[in-house]
Amino acid sequence: MTDRVYPSSKPTTTGAAPGGATAPAAAPAKSHLYNPTRPTYRPQAHRRRPRRSCRSICCCCFFWFLLVLLLLILLAATAGAALWVFYRPHSPTFSVSTFKTTQFNLSASSADASSSGHLSAAFNLTIAARNPNKKITIFYDPFTVSISSNDVILANGSYPAFASSPKDFTVLKPTLSSHSRDLDADSVTSLRSDLKKKSGLPLEFQMDTKVKIKVGGFKSNKVGIRVTCDGIQAAAPKGKSPSVASTSDSKCEVDLRIKIWKWTF
């Protein structure tokens, strides 16, 4: 029986180099030593970019809205200042020239227990309206006119619409009247007491309307105004002759009437 030859587990040595020189041995592999002071490497997970919250988006939108609003206000103020410097706008003026009481009958009520008296009155007025502007035309809607004494409405009336050119002077002659207007006991007492005074009955009248202006080719929107005149002292007429009231101390003021929804300022 023949013997089997097994290969040796020892590494084989390299053969001789040509010329009889011995080939250098291969360098031993470097061993990796553990360094306890070196921090352990831990792979970091990929972080997603956080989304912007609704609160930050709202704050950003509010900031831009506020910025745009401020810019619009600034532009409006600049345009208004330029308009005022160039045109020098002024509000219209009103004054009472004459005031006549043609009828004033205050009678007691016997049938109606809910009211203490009835009033029938009529007044004729002459009012001067002036436009002091040089380059602005004012357009008036129809007027609603009322006369009162100590917050007691005596008569009502109206006046048609008209236009006032620059530096124009317009005379208004509205007629106001009331027929059998019901008055309570306090109103009757107040009116009778004032009629007995030497100075007469203190009167105040109001005119409400809407106006718009024209500057060159530009026309504004309509704005409400109220003209209030006081300082008028009147007496009841005697016979068929009307009673002429004193208007020397009368003063008229023009106020804007801005309506926002249900409220008027």
Protein backbone atom coordinates (compact mmCIF):
# COMPACT_ATOMS: atom_id res chain seq x y z
CA MET A 1 0.00 0.00 0.00
CA THR A 2 1.39 3.43 -0.98
CA ASP A 3 1.62 6.31 1.53
CA ARG A 4 -0.41 9.58 0.90
CA VAL A 5 1.47 12.86 0.99
CA TYR A 6 -0.41 15.83 2.53
CA PRO A 7 0.59 19.45 1.92
CA SER A 8 2.23 21.26 4.77
CA SER A 9 0.26 23.96 6.66
CA LYS A 10 3.36 26.09 7.00
CA PRO A 11 3.62 29.00 4.61
CA THR A 12 5.86 28.42 1.74
CA THR A 13 9.05 30.40 1.52
CA THR A 14 9.64 32.52 -1.45
CA GLY A 15 12.07 31.22 -3.93
CA ALA A 16 15.42 32.66 -4.54
CA ALA A 17 15.64 35.74 -6.60
CA PRO A 18 17.53 35.59 -9.80
CA GLY A 19 21.23 35.79 -9.30
CA GLY A 20 21.18 33.88 -6.05
CA ALA A 21 19.90 36.81 -3.91
CA THR A 22 17.38 36.14 -1.26
CA ALA A 23 14.01 38.01 -1.72
CA PRO A 24 12.98 40.18 1.20
CA ALA A 25 10.27 38.86 3.41
CA ALA A 26 6.81 40.49 3.31
CA ALA A 27 6.16 43.15 5.99
CA PRO A 28 3.89 41.95 8.74
CA ALA A 29 0.36 43.43 8.80
CA LYS A 30 -0.22 46.27 11.29
CA SER A 31 -2.54 45.41 14.11
CA HIS A 32 -5.38 47.88 15.09
CA LEU A 33 -5.04 48.76 18.72
CA TYR A 34 -8.09 49.94 20.79
CA ASN A 35 -7.74 53.50 22.18
CA PRO A 36 -9.94 53.95 25.24
CA THR A 37 -9.71 57.79 25.09
CA ARG A 38 -11.06 58.04 21.55
CA PRO A 39 -14.81 58.80 21.47
CA THR A 40 -17.06 56.17 20.08
CA TYR A 41 -18.38 57.02 16.61
CA ARG A 42 -22.13 57.14 16.49
CA PRO A 43 -23.79 57.80 13.15
CA GLN A 44 -26.28 60.68 13.30
CA ALA A 45 -29.72 60.24 11.89
CA HIS A 46 -30.75 62.54 9.01
CA ARG A 47 -32.79 65.45 10.37
CA ARG A 48 -35.68 66.76 8.35
CA ARG A 49 -36.13 70.52 7.99
CA PRO A 50 -38.86 71.60 10.43
CA ARG A 51 -42.02 72.97 8.86
CA ARG A 52 -43.16 76.53 9.68
CA SER A 53 -45.99 76.61 12.15
CA CYS A 54 -49.32 78.30 11.49
CA ARG A 55 -48.50 80.90 14.12
CA SER A 56 -45.35 82.04 12.33
CA ILE A 57 -47.23 82.21 9.02
CA CYS A 58 -49.97 84.35 10.61
CA CYS A 59 -47.38 86.67 12.17
CA CYS A 60 -45.67 87.07 8.79
CA CYS A 61 -48.97 87.83 7.03
CA PHE A 62 -49.93 90.34 9.71
CA PHE A 63 -46.56 92.07 9.40
CA TRP A 64 -46.94 92.51 5.63
CA PHE A 65 -50.55 93.65 6.00
CA LEU A 66 -49.52 96.25 8.57
CA LEU A 67 -46.66 97.42 6.36
CA VAL A 68 -48.95 97.82 3.33
CA LEU A 69 -51.54 99.64 5.45
CA LEU A 70 -48.93 102.08 6.76
CA LEU A 71 -47.72 102.73 3.22
CA LEU A 72 -51.28 103.44 2.04
CA ILE A 73 -51.85 105.82 4.95
CA LEU A 74 -48.58 107.56 4.15
CA LEU A 75 -49.53 107.92 0.49
CA ALA A 76 -53.00 109.24 1.40
CA ALA A 77 -51.51 111.75 3.83
CA THR A 78 -49.01 112.91 1.22
CA ALA A 79 -51.74 113.31 -1.41
CA GLY A 80 -53.97 115.15 1.07
CA ALA A 81 -51.17 117.52 2.03
CA ALA A 82 -50.41 118.24 -1.62
CA LEU A 83 -54.12 118.84 -2.31
CA TRP A 84 -54.42 121.21 0.64
CA VAL A 85 -51.32 123.18 -0.35
CA PHE A 86 -52.43 123.54 -3.98
CA TYR A 87 -56.19 124.14 -3.56
CA ARG A 88 -56.48 125.42 0.04
CA PRO A 89 -59.94 123.83 0.64
CA HIS A 90 -62.33 125.45 3.13
CA SER A 91 -65.71 124.31 4.43
CA PRO A 92 -68.78 126.28 3.29
CA THR A 93 -70.25 128.92 5.57
CA PHE A 94 -73.89 129.62 6.44
CA SER A 95 -75.58 132.57 8.13
CA VAL A 96 -79.15 133.55 8.98
CA SER A 97 -80.23 136.81 7.35
CA THR A 98 -83.91 136.97 8.36
CA PHE A 99 -86.22 134.85 10.48
CA LYS A 100 -89.98 135.44 10.53
CA THR A 101 -92.66 133.64 12.52
CA THR A 102 -95.93 133.79 10.56
CA GLN A 103 -97.95 131.43 12.78
CA PHE A 104 -97.61 130.10 16.30
CA ASN A 105 -100.75 128.65 17.90
CA LEU A 106 -100.38 126.61 21.06
CA SER A 107 -103.71 125.15 22.12
CA ALA A 108 -104.71 122.86 24.98
CA SER A 109 -106.02 119.39 24.24
CA SER A 110 -109.24 118.29 25.92
CA ALA A 111 -110.15 115.14 23.98
CA ASP A 112 -106.81 113.33 23.84
CA ALA A 113 -105.63 112.47 27.34
CA SER A 114 -102.22 111.28 26.19
CA SER A 115 -101.14 114.78 25.06
CA SER A 116 -101.45 118.11 26.79
CA GLY A 117 -101.54 120.38 23.75
CA HIS A 118 -101.24 120.92 20.01
CA LEU A 119 -98.96 123.24 18.09
CA SER A 120 -99.47 124.80 14.67
CA ALA A 121 -96.56 126.94 13.54
CA ALA A 122 -95.01 128.37 10.38
CA PHE A 123 -91.62 130.05 9.82
CA ASN A 124 -89.94 131.81 6.89
CA LEU A 125 -86.14 131.95 6.80
CA THR A 126 -83.51 133.55 4.63
CA ILE A 127 -80.15 131.77 4.79
CA ALA A 128 -76.95 132.77 3.02
CA ALA A 129 -74.67 129.95 1.85
CA ARG A 130 -71.17 130.90 0.72
CA ASN A 131 -68.47 128.85 -0.99
CA PRO A 132 -65.10 130.41 0.00
CA ASN A 133 -62.99 128.16 -2.27
CA LYS A 134 -61.37 129.44 -5.46
CA LYS A 135 -61.15 126.18 -7.40
CA ILE A 136 -63.70 123.87 -5.75
CA THR A 137 -67.37 123.42 -6.69
CA ILE A 138 -69.75 122.09 -4.02
CA PHE A 139 -72.84 120.04 -4.92
CA TYR A 140 -75.61 119.87 -2.29
CA ASP A 141 -78.32 117.20 -2.10
CA PRO A 142 -81.83 118.24 -0.95
CA PHE A 143 -81.88 119.63 2.59
CA THR A 144 -83.98 118.44 5.52
CA VAL A 145 -84.66 121.40 7.83
CA SER A 146 -86.11 121.44 11.36
CA ILE A 147 -86.68 124.11 14.01
CA SER A 148 -86.68 123.40 17.73
CA SER A 149 -86.80 125.19 21.06
CA ASN A 150 -85.23 123.54 24.11
CA ASP A 151 -85.22 120.18 22.27
CA VAL A 152 -88.92 120.52 21.35
CA ILE A 153 -89.46 120.16 17.59
CA LEU A 154 -91.66 123.03 16.35
CA ALA A 155 -91.69 122.62 12.55
CA ASN A 156 -90.08 120.77 9.65
CA GLY A 157 -89.33 121.60 6.04
CA SER A 158 -87.03 120.96 3.09
CA TYR A 159 -85.02 122.74 0.42
CA PRO A 160 -84.08 121.49 -3.07
CA ALA A 161 -80.59 120.54 -4.21
CA PHE A 162 -78.24 123.08 -5.77
CA ALA A 163 -74.61 123.59 -6.80
CA SER A 164 -72.32 126.27 -5.43
CA SER A 165 -69.58 127.47 -7.78
CA PRO A 166 -66.22 128.78 -6.52
CA LYS A 167 -66.65 132.04 -4.63
CA ASP A 168 -70.41 131.71 -5.06
CA PHE A 169 -73.02 133.29 -2.77
CA THR A 170 -76.41 131.51 -2.65
CA VAL A 171 -79.56 132.68 -0.85
CA LEU A 172 -81.81 129.93 0.55
CA LYS A 173 -85.44 130.62 1.52
CA PRO A 174 -86.91 127.48 3.11
CA THR A 175 -90.43 127.47 4.56
CA LEU A 176 -91.13 125.33 7.63
CA SER A 177 -94.50 124.47 9.13
CA SER A 178 -96.35 122.07 11.40
CA HIS A 179 -100.05 121.40 11.83
CA SER A 180 -101.57 120.18 15.11
CA ARG A 181 -98.36 118.65 16.36
CA ASP A 182 -98.93 116.77 19.62
CA LEU A 183 -96.94 117.98 22.62
CA ASP A 184 -96.59 116.54 26.10
CA ALA A 185 -97.19 118.47 29.30
CA ASP A 186 -93.53 119.38 29.90
CA SER A 187 -93.10 120.74 26.38
CA VAL A 188 -96.23 122.88 26.62
CA THR A 189 -95.13 124.28 29.99
CA SER A 190 -91.65 125.11 28.65
CA LEU A 191 -92.97 126.86 25.53
CA ARG A 192 -95.54 128.94 27.43
CA SER A 193 -92.90 130.01 29.94
CA ASP A 194 -90.48 131.14 27.20
CA LEU A 195 -93.20 133.01 25.28
CA LYS A 196 -93.85 135.18 28.33
CA LYS A 197 -90.19 136.25 28.53
CA LYS A 198 -89.15 139.59 27.13
CA SER A 199 -86.27 138.04 25.21
CA GLY A 200 -88.65 135.67 23.42
CA LEU A 201 -88.49 132.02 22.46
CA PRO A 202 -84.94 130.61 21.97
CA LEU A 203 -84.82 128.83 18.63
CA GLU A 204 -82.37 126.49 16.92
CA PHE A 205 -82.63 125.07 13.45
CA GLN A 206 -80.75 122.28 11.71
CA MET A 207 -80.18 121.44 8.07
CA ASP A 208 -79.03 117.95 7.08
CA THR A 209 -77.80 117.06 3.62
CA LYS A 210 -75.04 115.32 1.66
CA VAL A 211 -72.39 117.08 -0.39
CA LYS A 212 -69.70 116.21 -2.89
CA ILE A 213 -66.96 118.40 -4.31
CA LYS A 214 -65.47 118.81 -7.78
CA VAL A 215 -61.82 119.73 -8.20
CA GLY A 216 -60.89 119.99 -11.85
CA GLY A 217 -62.00 116.69 -13.36
CA PHE A 218 -62.15 114.87 -10.02
CA LYS A 219 -65.42 114.35 -8.13
CA SER A 220 -65.46 113.06 -4.57
CA ASN A 221 -67.95 110.73 -2.94
CA LYS A 222 -70.89 112.15 -1.02
CA VAL A 223 -70.39 113.05 2.63
CA GLY A 224 -73.12 114.00 5.09
CA ILE A 225 -73.04 117.41 6.77
CA ARG A 226 -75.20 119.13 9.37
CA VAL A 227 -75.63 122.90 9.61
CA THR A 228 -76.69 124.03 13.08
CA CYS A 229 -77.69 127.64 13.78
CA ASP A 230 -78.63 128.99 17.20
CA GLY A 231 -78.78 132.31 19.05
CA ILE A 232 -82.18 133.23 17.54
CA GLN A 233 -84.87 134.80 19.73
CA ALA A 234 -88.44 134.80 18.41
CA ALA A 235 -91.87 135.85 19.64
CA ALA A 236 -95.38 134.77 18.69
CA PRO A 237 -96.97 136.95 15.98
CA LYS A 238 -99.73 139.36 16.95
CA GLY A 239 -102.64 139.40 14.57
CA LYS A 240 -101.85 138.85 10.89
CA SER A 241 -98.46 140.52 10.95
CA PRO A 242 -95.47 138.14 11.18
CA SER A 243 -93.05 138.39 14.05
CA VAL A 244 -89.47 139.21 13.03
CA ALA A 245 -86.85 137.49 15.19
CA SER A 246 -83.48 138.91 16.10
CA THR A 247 -80.62 137.20 14.24
CA SER A 248 -77.73 139.47 15.21
CA ASP A 249 -76.39 136.93 17.70
CA SER A 250 -77.01 133.87 15.52
CA LYS A 251 -74.12 131.57 14.71
CA CYS A 252 -73.98 128.64 12.32
CA GLU A 253 -71.64 125.67 12.42
CA VAL A 254 -71.00 123.01 9.78
CA ASP A 255 -70.19 119.49 10.99
CA LEU A 256 -69.41 116.31 9.08
CA ARG A 257 -71.85 113.44 9.52
CA ILE A 258 -70.03 110.13 9.00
CA LYS A 259 -72.22 107.04 9.04
CA ILE A 260 -70.68 103.66 9.90
CA TRP A 261 -73.22 100.87 9.60
CA LYS A 262 -75.98 101.89 12.06
CA TRP A 263 -74.15 104.71 13.82
CA THR A 264 -73.74 108.32 12.67
CA PHE A 265 -70.91 110.45 14.03
